[in-house]
Amino acid sequence: MSSGAASRPPVKSGTIFVVVLVFCGIAGWLLYQPYLPKEWLHDFAGEIAVRAAPDPTPPEPDDVRQAQRRERPSHPYICAAQFIRLPWDRMVVVTPAQDIATYPLLTEADWGSISFADTAARIRSDERYQLIVLLRQGAVLDAQLFFTFWGDLTAIARPQGYGRAEAIFTAYSNHGIYFVEPAAEVPNGICSLP
């Protein structure tokens, strides 16, 4: 027997297990990445939750983790231009009750690598889906599904969408569901644009 073969330590089953576990973790993370919400979408849902008027008759918490102290924000206005950091100039919301093909801003937009047909099919496929499209000079910057369990956007869905200065909303909670509405009578300077 050669001395080189004798000095090499055998591969242990624990080492193989750790290598396979790390490989599975990395592969799972890479496969899961497309399903994570974009940062701006996460921020929008967070702003809704923080700034929503509290439910006047909240359901009893099922668990002690649901009973949290609520911090009051300085104002109730959800200023989309302040936390959506993409260079958008128009925000359009579509609900499954509406036909995306009747939105001229969206049918005439340059969708780039995003498929308009696939997006339209996805929004029609499930009543829990709502769509938020961010446009810049007639081109789609991003189009993301916004689930109804994050907030009901029915009241802010309109074909002409919202410019940066008018994309200001309020929200309220009712039976554990957030409802988003266009803001009325916004004080000057409350949503100063970046």
N, C-alpha and C. Protein backbone atom coordinates (compact mmCIF):
# COMPACT_ATOMS: atom_id res chain seq x y z
N MET A 1 0.85 -1.16 0.00
CA MET A 1 0.00 0.00 0.00
C MET A 1 0.89 1.23 0.00
N SER A 2 0.50 2.27 -0.77
CA SER A 2 1.33 3.47 -0.84
C SER A 2 1.08 4.36 0.37
N SER A 3 2.07 5.14 0.72
CA SER A 3 1.94 5.99 1.90
C SER A 3 0.99 7.16 1.66
N GLY A 4 0.80 7.61 0.37
CA GLY A 4 -0.13 8.71 0.05
C GLY A 4 -1.57 8.32 0.33
N ALA A 5 -1.94 7.09 0.00
CA ALA A 5 -3.31 6.63 0.20
C ALA A 5 -3.62 6.45 1.67
N ALA A 6 -2.63 6.07 2.43
CA ALA A 6 -2.86 5.83 3.85
C ALA A 6 -2.99 7.13 4.63
N SER A 7 -2.37 8.21 4.17
CA SER A 7 -2.40 9.45 4.93
C SER A 7 -3.65 10.30 4.63
N ARG A 8 -4.39 9.99 3.59
CA ARG A 8 -5.59 10.75 3.26
C ARG A 8 -6.72 10.31 4.19
N PRO A 9 -7.37 11.29 4.91
CA PRO A 9 -8.45 10.89 5.82
C PRO A 9 -9.70 10.51 5.02
N PRO A 10 -10.44 9.53 5.50
CA PRO A 10 -11.67 9.12 4.78
C PRO A 10 -12.74 10.22 4.91
N VAL A 11 -13.60 10.31 3.87
CA VAL A 11 -14.72 11.27 3.91
C VAL A 11 -15.78 10.68 4.83
N LYS A 12 -16.17 11.46 5.80
CA LYS A 12 -17.13 10.99 6.79
C LYS A 12 -18.54 11.29 6.32
N SER A 13 -19.49 10.51 6.77
CA SER A 13 -20.88 10.72 6.37
C SER A 13 -21.41 12.07 6.88
N GLY A 14 -20.90 12.57 7.99
CA GLY A 14 -21.31 13.87 8.52
C GLY A 14 -20.90 15.01 7.60
N THR A 15 -19.72 14.89 7.01
CA THR A 15 -19.25 15.90 6.07
C THR A 15 -20.13 15.92 4.83
N ILE A 16 -20.46 14.77 4.32
CA ILE A 16 -21.34 14.68 3.14
C ILE A 16 -22.71 15.28 3.47
N PHE A 17 -23.23 14.98 4.64
CA PHE A 17 -24.53 15.52 5.05
C PHE A 17 -24.52 17.05 5.08
N VAL A 18 -23.46 17.62 5.66
CA VAL A 18 -23.35 19.09 5.76
C VAL A 18 -23.24 19.70 4.36
N VAL A 19 -22.44 19.11 3.48
CA VAL A 19 -22.29 19.63 2.12
C VAL A 19 -23.63 19.58 1.39
N VAL A 20 -24.35 18.48 1.49
CA VAL A 20 -25.66 18.35 0.84
C VAL A 20 -26.65 19.34 1.44
N LEU A 21 -26.62 19.51 2.75
CA LEU A 21 -27.52 20.46 3.42
C LEU A 21 -27.26 21.89 2.95
N VAL A 22 -26.01 22.28 2.87
CA VAL A 22 -25.65 23.63 2.40
C VAL A 22 -26.08 23.80 0.94
N PHE A 23 -25.83 22.79 0.11
CA PHE A 23 -26.23 22.85 -1.29
C PHE A 23 -27.75 23.00 -1.42
N CYS A 24 -28.50 22.23 -0.66
CA CYS A 24 -29.97 22.32 -0.70
C CYS A 24 -30.45 23.70 -0.23
N GLY A 25 -29.81 24.23 0.79
CA GLY A 25 -30.18 25.56 1.29
C GLY A 25 -29.94 26.64 0.25
N ILE A 26 -28.80 26.60 -0.42
CA ILE A 26 -28.49 27.59 -1.46
C ILE A 26 -29.43 27.42 -2.64
N ALA A 27 -29.66 26.20 -3.09
CA ALA A 27 -30.56 25.96 -4.22
C ALA A 27 -31.99 26.41 -3.88
N GLY A 28 -32.45 26.12 -2.67
CA GLY A 28 -33.79 26.54 -2.25
C GLY A 28 -33.92 28.06 -2.22
N TRP A 29 -32.89 28.73 -1.70
CA TRP A 29 -32.90 30.19 -1.65
C TRP A 29 -32.97 30.78 -3.06
N LEU A 30 -32.17 30.25 -3.98
CA LEU A 30 -32.17 30.76 -5.35
C LEU A 30 -33.51 30.51 -6.04
N LEU A 31 -34.12 29.37 -5.79
CA LEU A 31 -35.42 29.07 -6.39
C LEU A 31 -36.54 29.92 -5.78
N TYR A 32 -36.39 30.31 -4.52
CA TYR A 32 -37.42 31.09 -3.81
C TYR A 32 -37.35 32.58 -4.12
N GLN A 33 -36.21 33.08 -4.56
CA GLN A 33 -36.00 34.51 -4.80
C GLN A 33 -37.09 35.17 -5.64
N PRO A 34 -37.53 34.58 -6.75
CA PRO A 34 -38.55 35.26 -7.56
C PRO A 34 -39.89 35.46 -6.84
N TYR A 35 -40.12 34.73 -5.77
CA TYR A 35 -41.40 34.82 -5.07
C TYR A 35 -41.38 35.80 -3.89
N LEU A 36 -40.23 36.40 -3.60
CA LEU A 36 -40.15 37.40 -2.55
C LEU A 36 -40.69 38.72 -3.08
N PRO A 37 -41.49 39.44 -2.29
CA PRO A 37 -41.99 40.72 -2.78
C PRO A 37 -40.85 41.73 -2.94
N LYS A 38 -40.98 42.58 -3.96
CA LYS A 38 -40.00 43.64 -4.18
C LYS A 38 -40.00 44.57 -2.98
N GLU A 39 -38.89 45.26 -2.76
CA GLU A 39 -38.77 46.14 -1.60
C GLU A 39 -39.85 47.21 -1.60
N TRP A 40 -40.14 47.81 -2.74
CA TRP A 40 -41.13 48.88 -2.79
C TRP A 40 -42.52 48.35 -2.47
N LEU A 41 -42.80 47.12 -2.89
CA LEU A 41 -44.10 46.51 -2.62
C LEU A 41 -44.24 46.21 -1.13
N HIS A 42 -43.17 45.72 -0.53
CA HIS A 42 -43.14 45.46 0.90
C HIS A 42 -43.33 46.76 1.68
N ASP A 43 -42.66 47.83 1.23
CA ASP A 43 -42.79 49.13 1.89
C ASP A 43 -44.22 49.68 1.78
N PHE A 44 -44.85 49.48 0.62
CA PHE A 44 -46.23 49.95 0.43
C PHE A 44 -47.17 49.24 1.41
N ALA A 45 -47.05 47.93 1.51
CA ALA A 45 -47.87 47.17 2.45
C ALA A 45 -47.60 47.62 3.89
N GLY A 46 -46.35 47.89 4.21
CA GLY A 46 -46.00 48.36 5.55
C GLY A 46 -46.59 49.72 5.85
N GLU A 47 -46.54 50.64 4.89
CA GLU A 47 -47.13 51.97 5.08
C GLU A 47 -48.63 51.87 5.31
N ILE A 48 -49.28 50.99 4.59
CA ILE A 48 -50.73 50.80 4.77
C ILE A 48 -51.00 50.34 6.21
N ALA A 49 -50.25 49.36 6.66
CA ALA A 49 -50.47 48.80 8.00
C ALA A 49 -50.20 49.82 9.09
N VAL A 50 -49.15 50.63 8.93
CA VAL A 50 -48.77 51.58 9.97
C VAL A 50 -49.73 52.77 10.01
N ARG A 51 -50.15 53.24 8.85
CA ARG A 51 -50.92 54.48 8.78
C ARG A 51 -52.43 54.28 8.74
N ALA A 52 -52.89 53.06 8.69
CA ALA A 52 -54.34 52.81 8.63
C ALA A 52 -55.02 53.22 9.93
N ALA A 53 -56.19 53.81 9.78
CA ALA A 53 -57.00 54.13 10.96
C ALA A 53 -57.37 52.80 11.62
N PRO A 54 -57.28 52.73 12.93
CA PRO A 54 -57.56 51.46 13.60
C PRO A 54 -59.01 51.02 13.44
N ASP A 55 -59.19 49.74 13.48
CA ASP A 55 -60.52 49.14 13.40
C ASP A 55 -61.31 49.55 14.65
N PRO A 56 -62.51 50.14 14.48
CA PRO A 56 -63.29 50.53 15.66
C PRO A 56 -63.80 49.34 16.46
N THR A 57 -63.98 48.21 15.81
CA THR A 57 -64.42 46.98 16.49
C THR A 57 -63.50 45.84 16.08
N PRO A 58 -62.26 45.85 16.58
CA PRO A 58 -61.32 44.81 16.16
C PRO A 58 -61.72 43.43 16.67
N PRO A 59 -61.40 42.40 15.88
CA PRO A 59 -61.65 41.05 16.37
C PRO A 59 -60.71 40.74 17.53
N GLU A 60 -61.15 39.89 18.41
CA GLU A 60 -60.31 39.48 19.53
C GLU A 60 -59.08 38.75 18.99
N PRO A 61 -57.90 39.02 19.55
CA PRO A 61 -56.71 38.31 19.07
C PRO A 61 -56.80 36.82 19.39
N ASP A 62 -56.34 36.01 18.43
CA ASP A 62 -56.31 34.56 18.62
C ASP A 62 -55.12 34.15 19.46
N ASP A 63 -54.12 35.01 19.49
CA ASP A 63 -52.86 34.67 20.11
C ASP A 63 -52.29 35.96 20.72
N VAL A 64 -51.52 35.83 21.78
CA VAL A 64 -50.93 36.98 22.44
C VAL A 64 -50.01 37.77 21.50
N ARG A 65 -49.43 37.10 20.49
CA ARG A 65 -48.55 37.79 19.54
C ARG A 65 -49.33 38.78 18.67
N GLN A 66 -50.64 38.60 18.56
CA GLN A 66 -51.45 39.51 17.75
C GLN A 66 -51.83 40.78 18.51
N ALA A 67 -51.75 40.75 19.81
CA ALA A 67 -52.09 41.92 20.63
C ALA A 67 -50.82 42.74 20.82
N GLN A 68 -50.62 43.71 19.94
CA GLN A 68 -49.42 44.53 20.00
C GLN A 68 -49.80 45.97 20.26
N ARG A 69 -48.92 46.68 20.93
CA ARG A 69 -49.12 48.10 21.14
C ARG A 69 -48.91 48.81 19.80
N ARG A 70 -49.79 49.69 19.46
CA ARG A 70 -49.72 50.37 18.18
C ARG A 70 -49.16 51.78 18.35
N GLU A 71 -48.08 52.07 17.63
CA GLU A 71 -47.50 53.40 17.65
C GLU A 71 -48.29 54.28 16.67
N ARG A 72 -48.56 55.48 17.05
CA ARG A 72 -49.29 56.41 16.20
C ARG A 72 -48.31 57.13 15.28
N PRO A 73 -48.53 57.09 13.96
CA PRO A 73 -47.66 57.82 13.04
C PRO A 73 -47.94 59.32 13.13
N SER A 74 -47.03 60.13 12.61
CA SER A 74 -47.18 61.58 12.67
C SER A 74 -48.34 62.08 11.81
N HIS A 75 -48.71 61.33 10.78
CA HIS A 75 -49.87 61.67 9.93
C HIS A 75 -50.39 60.38 9.29
N PRO A 76 -51.64 60.40 8.80
CA PRO A 76 -52.23 59.18 8.24
C PRO A 76 -52.01 58.99 6.74
N TYR A 77 -51.22 59.84 6.10
CA TYR A 77 -51.12 59.83 4.64
C TYR A 77 -50.04 58.88 4.14
N ILE A 78 -50.42 58.06 3.18
CA ILE A 78 -49.51 57.11 2.54
C ILE A 78 -49.00 57.81 1.29
N CYS A 79 -47.78 58.29 1.33
CA CYS A 79 -47.17 59.10 0.27
C CYS A 79 -46.32 58.19 -0.61
N ALA A 80 -46.89 57.67 -1.69
CA ALA A 80 -46.20 56.68 -2.52
C ALA A 80 -44.86 57.18 -3.06
N ALA A 81 -44.78 58.44 -3.41
CA ALA A 81 -43.53 58.97 -3.98
C ALA A 81 -42.39 59.00 -2.97
N GLN A 82 -42.71 58.94 -1.69
CA GLN A 82 -41.66 58.99 -0.67
C GLN A 82 -40.99 57.64 -0.42
N PHE A 83 -41.72 56.56 -0.62
CA PHE A 83 -41.11 55.26 -0.30
C PHE A 83 -40.94 54.33 -1.49
N ILE A 84 -41.54 54.64 -2.63
CA ILE A 84 -41.27 53.86 -3.85
C ILE A 84 -40.14 54.58 -4.56
N ARG A 85 -38.95 54.05 -4.40
CA ARG A 85 -37.74 54.76 -4.83
C ARG A 85 -37.37 54.55 -6.29
N LEU A 86 -38.20 53.87 -7.05
CA LEU A 86 -37.96 53.76 -8.48
C LEU A 86 -38.33 55.10 -9.14
N PRO A 87 -37.75 55.43 -10.29
CA PRO A 87 -38.05 56.71 -10.93
C PRO A 87 -39.35 56.69 -11.75
N TRP A 88 -40.46 56.41 -11.11
CA TRP A 88 -41.75 56.30 -11.80
C TRP A 88 -42.41 57.67 -11.92
N ASP A 89 -43.28 57.78 -12.92
CA ASP A 89 -44.06 59.01 -13.05
C ASP A 89 -45.56 58.75 -13.05
N ARG A 90 -45.97 57.47 -13.09
CA ARG A 90 -47.38 57.13 -13.05
C ARG A 90 -47.53 55.77 -12.39
N MET A 91 -48.52 55.68 -11.49
CA MET A 91 -48.83 54.43 -10.78
C MET A 91 -50.26 54.05 -11.13
N VAL A 92 -50.44 52.83 -11.63
CA VAL A 92 -51.77 52.36 -12.03
C VAL A 92 -52.10 51.10 -11.25
N VAL A 93 -53.31 51.07 -10.69
CA VAL A 93 -53.78 49.91 -9.92
C VAL A 93 -54.93 49.26 -10.68
N VAL A 94 -54.89 47.94 -10.79
CA VAL A 94 -55.95 47.17 -11.47
C VAL A 94 -56.41 46.08 -10.52
N THR A 95 -57.73 45.91 -10.40
CA THR A 95 -58.28 44.82 -9.59
C THR A 95 -58.80 43.73 -10.53
N PRO A 96 -59.06 42.53 -10.02
CA PRO A 96 -59.55 41.47 -10.89
C PRO A 96 -60.96 41.76 -11.44
N ALA A 97 -61.69 42.66 -10.82
CA ALA A 97 -63.02 43.01 -11.32
C ALA A 97 -62.93 43.88 -12.57
N GLN A 98 -61.76 44.41 -12.84
CA GLN A 98 -61.56 45.27 -14.00
C GLN A 98 -60.80 44.51 -15.07
N ASP A 99 -60.99 44.92 -16.31
CA ASP A 99 -60.27 44.29 -17.42
C ASP A 99 -59.07 45.15 -17.76
N ILE A 100 -57.89 44.61 -17.56
CA ILE A 100 -56.65 45.35 -17.81
C ILE A 100 -56.57 45.83 -19.26
N ALA A 101 -57.23 45.13 -20.17
CA ALA A 101 -57.20 45.51 -21.58
C ALA A 101 -57.97 46.80 -21.85
N THR A 102 -58.78 47.27 -20.88
CA THR A 102 -59.51 48.53 -21.06
C THR A 102 -58.74 49.71 -20.48
N TYR A 103 -57.53 49.50 -20.03
CA TYR A 103 -56.70 50.57 -19.49
C TYR A 103 -55.75 51.06 -20.59
N PRO A 104 -56.08 52.15 -21.28
CA PRO A 104 -55.22 52.61 -22.39
C PRO A 104 -53.77 52.85 -21.97
N LEU A 105 -53.55 53.37 -20.77
CA LEU A 105 -52.17 53.58 -20.32
C LEU A 105 -51.36 52.29 -20.33
N LEU A 106 -52.02 51.18 -20.01
CA LEU A 106 -51.32 49.90 -19.91
C LEU A 106 -51.25 49.18 -21.25
N THR A 107 -52.31 49.25 -22.05
CA THR A 107 -52.28 48.56 -23.34
C THR A 107 -51.30 49.23 -24.31
N GLU A 108 -51.11 50.56 -24.16
CA GLU A 108 -50.20 51.28 -25.05
C GLU A 108 -48.78 51.38 -24.50
N ALA A 109 -48.57 50.93 -23.29
CA ALA A 109 -47.24 51.03 -22.66
C ALA A 109 -46.27 50.02 -23.26
N ASP A 110 -44.99 50.35 -23.17
CA ASP A 110 -43.93 49.43 -23.55
C ASP A 110 -43.64 48.55 -22.34
N TRP A 111 -43.98 47.28 -22.43
CA TRP A 111 -43.84 46.36 -21.30
C TRP A 111 -42.44 45.75 -21.22
N GLY A 112 -41.60 45.98 -22.21
CA GLY A 112 -40.23 45.46 -22.16
C GLY A 112 -40.21 43.96 -22.02
N SER A 113 -39.50 43.47 -21.02
CA SER A 113 -39.36 42.02 -20.83
C SER A 113 -40.54 41.41 -20.08
N ILE A 114 -41.45 42.24 -19.58
CA ILE A 114 -42.63 41.73 -18.87
C ILE A 114 -43.72 41.46 -19.90
N SER A 115 -44.33 40.32 -19.84
CA SER A 115 -45.38 39.96 -20.79
C SER A 115 -46.72 40.54 -20.36
N PHE A 116 -47.30 41.39 -21.21
CA PHE A 116 -48.62 41.96 -20.93
C PHE A 116 -49.66 40.84 -20.87
N ALA A 117 -49.61 39.90 -21.81
CA ALA A 117 -50.59 38.81 -21.86
C ALA A 117 -50.51 37.94 -20.61
N ASP A 118 -49.29 37.60 -20.19
CA ASP A 118 -49.13 36.79 -18.98
C ASP A 118 -49.62 37.54 -17.74
N THR A 119 -49.32 38.84 -17.68
CA THR A 119 -49.75 39.65 -16.54
C THR A 119 -51.27 39.72 -16.50
N ALA A 120 -51.91 39.94 -17.65
CA ALA A 120 -53.38 40.00 -17.72
C ALA A 120 -53.99 38.66 -17.31
N ALA A 121 -53.39 37.57 -17.74
CA ALA A 121 -53.91 36.24 -17.38
C ALA A 121 -53.76 35.99 -15.88
N ARG A 122 -52.64 36.41 -15.31
CA ARG A 122 -52.42 36.20 -13.87
C ARG A 122 -53.43 36.96 -13.03
N ILE A 123 -53.70 38.22 -13.39
CA ILE A 123 -54.64 39.01 -12.58
C ILE A 123 -56.05 38.44 -12.68
N ARG A 124 -56.39 37.86 -13.82
CA ARG A 124 -57.73 37.26 -13.99
C ARG A 124 -57.83 35.90 -13.32
N SER A 125 -56.72 35.29 -12.99
CA SER A 125 -56.72 33.91 -12.50
C SER A 125 -57.16 33.76 -11.05
N ASP A 126 -57.11 34.84 -10.27
CA ASP A 126 -57.43 34.70 -8.85
C ASP A 126 -57.97 36.03 -8.34
N GLU A 127 -59.11 36.00 -7.69
CA GLU A 127 -59.72 37.24 -7.20
C GLU A 127 -58.94 37.88 -6.06
N ARG A 128 -57.95 37.19 -5.52
CA ARG A 128 -57.11 37.78 -4.47
C ARG A 128 -56.00 38.64 -5.03
N TYR A 129 -55.80 38.60 -6.34
CA TYR A 129 -54.73 39.36 -6.96
C TYR A 129 -55.20 40.76 -7.34
N GLN A 130 -54.36 41.73 -7.07
CA GLN A 130 -54.51 43.09 -7.56
C GLN A 130 -53.17 43.41 -8.20
N LEU A 131 -53.15 44.33 -9.12
CA LEU A 131 -51.92 44.62 -9.84
C LEU A 131 -51.56 46.09 -9.65
N ILE A 132 -50.29 46.34 -9.35
CA ILE A 132 -49.77 47.70 -9.31
C ILE A 132 -48.70 47.79 -10.39
N VAL A 133 -48.89 48.76 -11.29
CA VAL A 133 -47.94 48.97 -12.39
C VAL A 133 -47.31 50.35 -12.20
N LEU A 134 -45.99 50.40 -12.25
CA LEU A 134 -45.26 51.66 -12.19
C LEU A 134 -44.73 51.96 -13.59
N LEU A 135 -45.06 53.15 -14.08
CA LEU A 135 -44.67 53.56 -15.43
C LEU A 135 -43.70 54.73 -15.37
N ARG A 136 -42.88 54.82 -16.40
CA ARG A 136 -42.03 56.00 -16.59
C ARG A 136 -42.01 56.30 -18.08
N GLN A 137 -42.54 57.46 -18.44
CA GLN A 137 -42.59 57.91 -19.82
C GLN A 137 -43.16 56.84 -20.75
N GLY A 138 -44.25 56.23 -20.33
CA GLY A 138 -44.95 55.24 -21.16
C GLY A 138 -44.36 53.85 -21.17
N ALA A 139 -43.33 53.61 -20.37
CA ALA A 139 -42.72 52.28 -20.28
C ALA A 139 -42.95 51.72 -18.89
N VAL A 140 -43.16 50.43 -18.81
CA VAL A 140 -43.40 49.76 -17.53
C VAL A 140 -42.06 49.55 -16.82
N LEU A 141 -41.93 50.17 -15.64
CA LEU A 141 -40.74 49.95 -14.81
C LEU A 141 -40.88 48.66 -14.03
N ASP A 142 -42.07 48.45 -13.49
CA ASP A 142 -42.33 47.25 -12.70
C ASP A 142 -43.83 47.02 -12.64
N ALA A 143 -44.22 45.78 -12.58
CA ALA A 143 -45.62 45.39 -12.44
C ALA A 143 -45.66 44.23 -11.46
N GLN A 144 -46.32 44.44 -10.33
CA GLN A 144 -46.32 43.43 -9.27
C GLN A 144 -47.73 43.15 -8.78
N LEU A 145 -47.96 41.90 -8.44
CA LEU A 145 -49.24 41.55 -7.83
C LEU A 145 -49.24 42.01 -6.38
N PHE A 146 -50.37 42.52 -5.95
CA PHE A 146 -50.54 42.97 -4.57
C PHE A 146 -51.75 42.20 -4.05
N PHE A 147 -51.53 41.37 -3.07
CA PHE A 147 -52.58 40.47 -2.60
C PHE A 147 -53.58 41.18 -1.69
N THR A 148 -54.82 40.77 -1.76
CA THR A 148 -55.87 41.42 -0.98
C THR A 148 -55.65 41.26 0.52
N PHE A 149 -54.91 40.25 0.96
CA PHE A 149 -54.68 40.13 2.40
C PHE A 149 -53.68 41.18 2.88
N TRP A 150 -52.96 41.86 1.98
CA TRP A 150 -52.11 43.00 2.35
C TRP A 150 -52.94 44.27 2.42
N GLY A 151 -54.03 44.33 1.65
CA GLY A 151 -54.89 45.52 1.61
C GLY A 151 -55.76 45.50 0.37
N ASP A 152 -56.97 46.01 0.50
CA ASP A 152 -57.91 46.09 -0.62
C ASP A 152 -57.69 47.43 -1.33
N LEU A 153 -57.31 47.36 -2.60
CA LEU A 153 -56.98 48.55 -3.38
C LEU A 153 -58.11 48.97 -4.33
N THR A 154 -59.29 48.40 -4.18
CA THR A 154 -60.40 48.67 -5.09
C THR A 154 -60.68 50.16 -5.24
N ALA A 155 -60.65 50.91 -4.16
CA ALA A 155 -61.00 52.34 -4.20
C ALA A 155 -59.96 53.19 -4.91
N ILE A 156 -58.75 52.69 -5.11
CA ILE A 156 -57.72 53.50 -5.80
C ILE A 156 -57.44 52.99 -7.21
N ALA A 157 -58.21 52.01 -7.66
CA ALA A 157 -58.04 51.50 -9.02
C ALA A 157 -58.77 52.41 -10.00
N ARG A 158 -58.01 52.98 -10.94
CA ARG A 158 -58.61 53.82 -11.98
C ARG A 158 -57.70 53.80 -13.21
N PRO A 159 -58.30 53.84 -14.40
CA PRO A 159 -57.52 53.70 -15.64
C PRO A 159 -56.44 54.75 -15.84
N GLN A 160 -56.64 55.98 -15.41
CA GLN A 160 -55.64 57.02 -15.62
C GLN A 160 -54.51 56.96 -14.59
N GLY A 161 -54.66 56.17 -13.55
CA GLY A 161 -53.62 56.03 -12.54
C GLY A 161 -53.38 57.31 -11.76
N TYR A 162 -52.21 57.41 -11.16
CA TYR A 162 -51.84 58.54 -10.30
C TYR A 162 -50.44 59.00 -10.66
N GLY A 163 -50.27 60.32 -10.77
CA GLY A 163 -48.94 60.89 -10.90
C GLY A 163 -48.28 60.90 -9.53
N ARG A 164 -47.00 61.23 -9.48
CA ARG A 164 -46.27 61.21 -8.21
C ARG A 164 -46.89 62.15 -7.18
N ALA A 165 -47.32 63.33 -7.61
CA ALA A 165 -47.86 64.31 -6.67
C ALA A 165 -49.26 63.94 -6.18
N GLU A 166 -49.99 63.11 -6.92
CA GLU A 166 -51.35 62.76 -6.51
C GLU A 166 -51.47 61.35 -5.93
N ALA A 167 -50.38 60.59 -5.90
CA ALA A 167 -50.40 59.23 -5.35
C ALA A 167 -50.27 59.29 -3.83
N ILE A 168 -51.32 59.86 -3.21
CA ILE A 168 -51.38 59.99 -1.75
C ILE A 168 -52.68 59.32 -1.31
N PHE A 169 -52.55 58.41 -0.39
CA PHE A 169 -53.70 57.60 0.01
C PHE A 169 -53.86 57.59 1.53
N THR A 170 -55.02 57.15 1.95
CA THR A 170 -55.26 56.86 3.36
C THR A 170 -55.79 55.43 3.43
N ALA A 171 -55.82 54.88 4.62
CA ALA A 171 -56.30 53.52 4.78
C ALA A 171 -57.02 53.40 6.12
N TYR A 172 -57.87 52.42 6.18
CA TYR A 172 -58.54 52.11 7.44
C TYR A 172 -58.63 50.59 7.55
N SER A 173 -58.76 50.13 8.77
CA SER A 173 -58.87 48.70 9.03
C SER A 173 -60.30 48.39 9.44
N ASN A 174 -60.83 47.33 8.87
CA ASN A 174 -62.18 46.89 9.20
C ASN A 174 -62.20 45.37 9.23
N HIS A 175 -62.45 44.81 10.40
CA HIS A 175 -62.47 43.35 10.60
C HIS A 175 -61.16 42.71 10.15
N GLY A 176 -60.06 43.37 10.45
CA GLY A 176 -58.75 42.80 10.15
C GLY A 176 -58.30 42.97 8.72
N ILE A 177 -59.03 43.72 7.90
CA ILE A 177 -58.67 43.94 6.50
C ILE A 177 -58.41 45.43 6.31
N TYR A 178 -57.32 45.76 5.61
CA TYR A 178 -57.01 47.15 5.30
C TYR A 178 -57.68 47.55 3.99
N PHE A 179 -58.28 48.73 3.98
CA PHE A 179 -58.90 49.29 2.79
C PHE A 179 -58.19 50.61 2.48
N VAL A 180 -57.72 50.76 1.24
CA VAL A 180 -56.95 51.94 0.84
C VAL A 180 -57.86 52.83 -0.01
N GLU A 181 -57.77 54.15 0.24
CA GLU A 181 -58.59 55.12 -0.48
C GLU A 181 -57.73 56.30 -0.91
N PRO A 182 -58.16 57.05 -1.94
CA PRO A 182 -57.45 58.28 -2.26
C PRO A 182 -57.59 59.26 -1.10
N ALA A 183 -56.54 59.99 -0.81
CA ALA A 183 -56.58 60.96 0.29
C ALA A 183 -57.33 62.21 -0.16
N ALA A 184 -58.10 62.77 0.74
CA ALA A 184 -58.81 64.02 0.48
C ALA A 184 -58.24 65.11 1.37
N GLU A 185 -58.13 66.31 0.82
CA GLU A 185 -57.68 67.48 1.58
C GLU A 185 -56.35 67.23 2.32
N VAL A 186 -55.34 66.92 1.54
CA VAL A 186 -54.01 66.68 2.11
C VAL A 186 -53.37 68.02 2.45
N PRO A 187 -52.90 68.19 3.67
CA PRO A 187 -52.22 69.45 4.04
C PRO A 187 -50.97 69.69 3.19
N ASN A 188 -50.71 70.94 2.88
CA ASN A 188 -49.53 71.29 2.09
C ASN A 188 -48.25 70.81 2.76
N GLY A 189 -47.35 70.25 1.98
CA GLY A 189 -46.04 69.85 2.47
C GLY A 189 -45.99 68.52 3.19
N ILE A 190 -47.14 67.88 3.41
CA ILE A 190 -47.15 66.63 4.19
C ILE A 190 -46.45 65.51 3.41
N CYS A 191 -46.56 65.54 2.08
CA CYS A 191 -45.94 64.52 1.25
C CYS A 191 -44.98 65.19 0.27
N SER A 192 -44.05 65.94 0.79
CA SER A 192 -43.10 66.63 -0.11
C SER A 192 -42.35 65.60 -0.92
N LEU A 193 -42.26 65.87 -2.22
CA LEU A 193 -41.64 64.91 -3.13
C LEU A 193 -40.12 64.95 -3.03
N PRO A 194 -39.50 63.76 -3.09
CA PRO A 194 -38.04 63.72 -3.03
C PRO A 194 -37.43 64.20 -4.34
